[in-house]
Amino acid sequence: MAAKQLKVTLKKSVYGQLANIAQSVRGLGLRKRHQTVTVADTPENRGLIRTARHLLAVVEG
């Protein structure tokens, strides 16, 4: 059985954000606004998403 996946989209720019927020977005593999990546649903990735939740849109599946 495959692990659950999350589709994460960067909705707002990281410009002007704290360094740890920008690094969390980068850690998810996002570089540009409106870019979407698929990541595994792990506690580590959930933590990165929680840090930058005001910049991201997340869809399960």
Protein backbone atom coordinates (compact mmCIF):
# COMPACT_ATOMS: atom_id res chain seq x y z
CA MET A 1 0.00 0.00 0.00
CA ALA A 2 1.40 3.39 -0.98
CA ALA A 3 1.94 6.09 1.62
CA LYS A 4 -0.48 9.00 1.74
CA GLN A 5 0.46 12.01 -0.33
CA LEU A 6 -0.19 15.74 0.09
CA LYS A 7 -0.35 18.28 -2.72
CA VAL A 8 1.17 21.51 -1.49
CA THR A 9 0.88 24.79 -3.43
CA LEU A 10 2.73 28.01 -2.62
CA LYS A 11 0.04 30.72 -2.75
CA LYS A 12 2.03 33.70 -1.45
CA SER A 13 5.66 34.76 -1.77
CA VAL A 14 8.20 34.05 0.96
CA TYR A 15 9.64 37.54 0.46
CA GLY A 16 9.74 39.36 3.81
CA GLN A 17 9.07 36.21 5.85
CA LEU A 18 11.27 34.99 8.67
CA ALA A 19 14.19 32.80 7.61
CA ASN A 20 12.78 29.65 9.21
CA ILE A 21 9.52 30.06 7.28
CA ALA A 22 11.34 30.54 3.97
CA GLN A 23 13.52 27.50 4.72
CA SER A 24 10.45 25.38 5.51
CA VAL A 25 8.92 26.28 2.15
CA ARG A 26 12.21 25.47 0.42
CA GLY A 27 12.41 22.20 2.34
CA LEU A 28 9.08 21.18 0.83
CA GLY A 29 10.60 21.70 -2.62
CA LEU A 30 8.74 24.90 -3.48
CA ARG A 31 10.57 27.69 -5.28
CA LYS A 32 7.98 29.85 -7.07
CA ARG A 33 4.48 31.10 -6.34
CA HIS A 34 1.69 28.85 -7.64
CA GLN A 35 4.09 25.91 -7.89
CA THR A 36 2.61 22.61 -6.68
CA VAL A 37 4.56 19.65 -5.32
CA THR A 38 3.48 16.26 -4.00
CA VAL A 39 5.06 15.23 -0.71
CA ALA A 40 4.62 12.23 1.58
CA ASP A 41 2.25 12.68 4.51
CA THR A 42 4.83 12.39 7.30
CA PRO A 43 5.11 14.18 10.64
CA GLU A 44 8.22 15.96 9.34
CA ASN A 45 6.45 17.36 6.29
CA ARG A 46 3.39 18.25 8.39
CA GLY A 47 5.69 20.32 10.61
CA LEU A 48 7.13 22.18 7.61
CA ILE A 49 3.60 22.83 6.35
CA ARG A 50 2.45 24.04 9.78
CA THR A 51 5.34 26.54 9.93
CA ALA A 52 4.32 28.17 6.62
CA ARG A 53 0.57 27.43 6.67
CA HIS A 54 -0.33 31.07 5.93
CA LEU A 55 1.51 30.85 2.58
CA LEU A 56 0.37 27.40 1.47
CA ALA A 57 -2.66 25.53 0.19
CA VAL A 58 -2.73 21.81 1.01
CA VAL A 59 -4.90 19.09 -0.55
CA GLU A 60 -4.82 15.48 0.60
CA GLY A 61 -4.62 12.80 -2.04
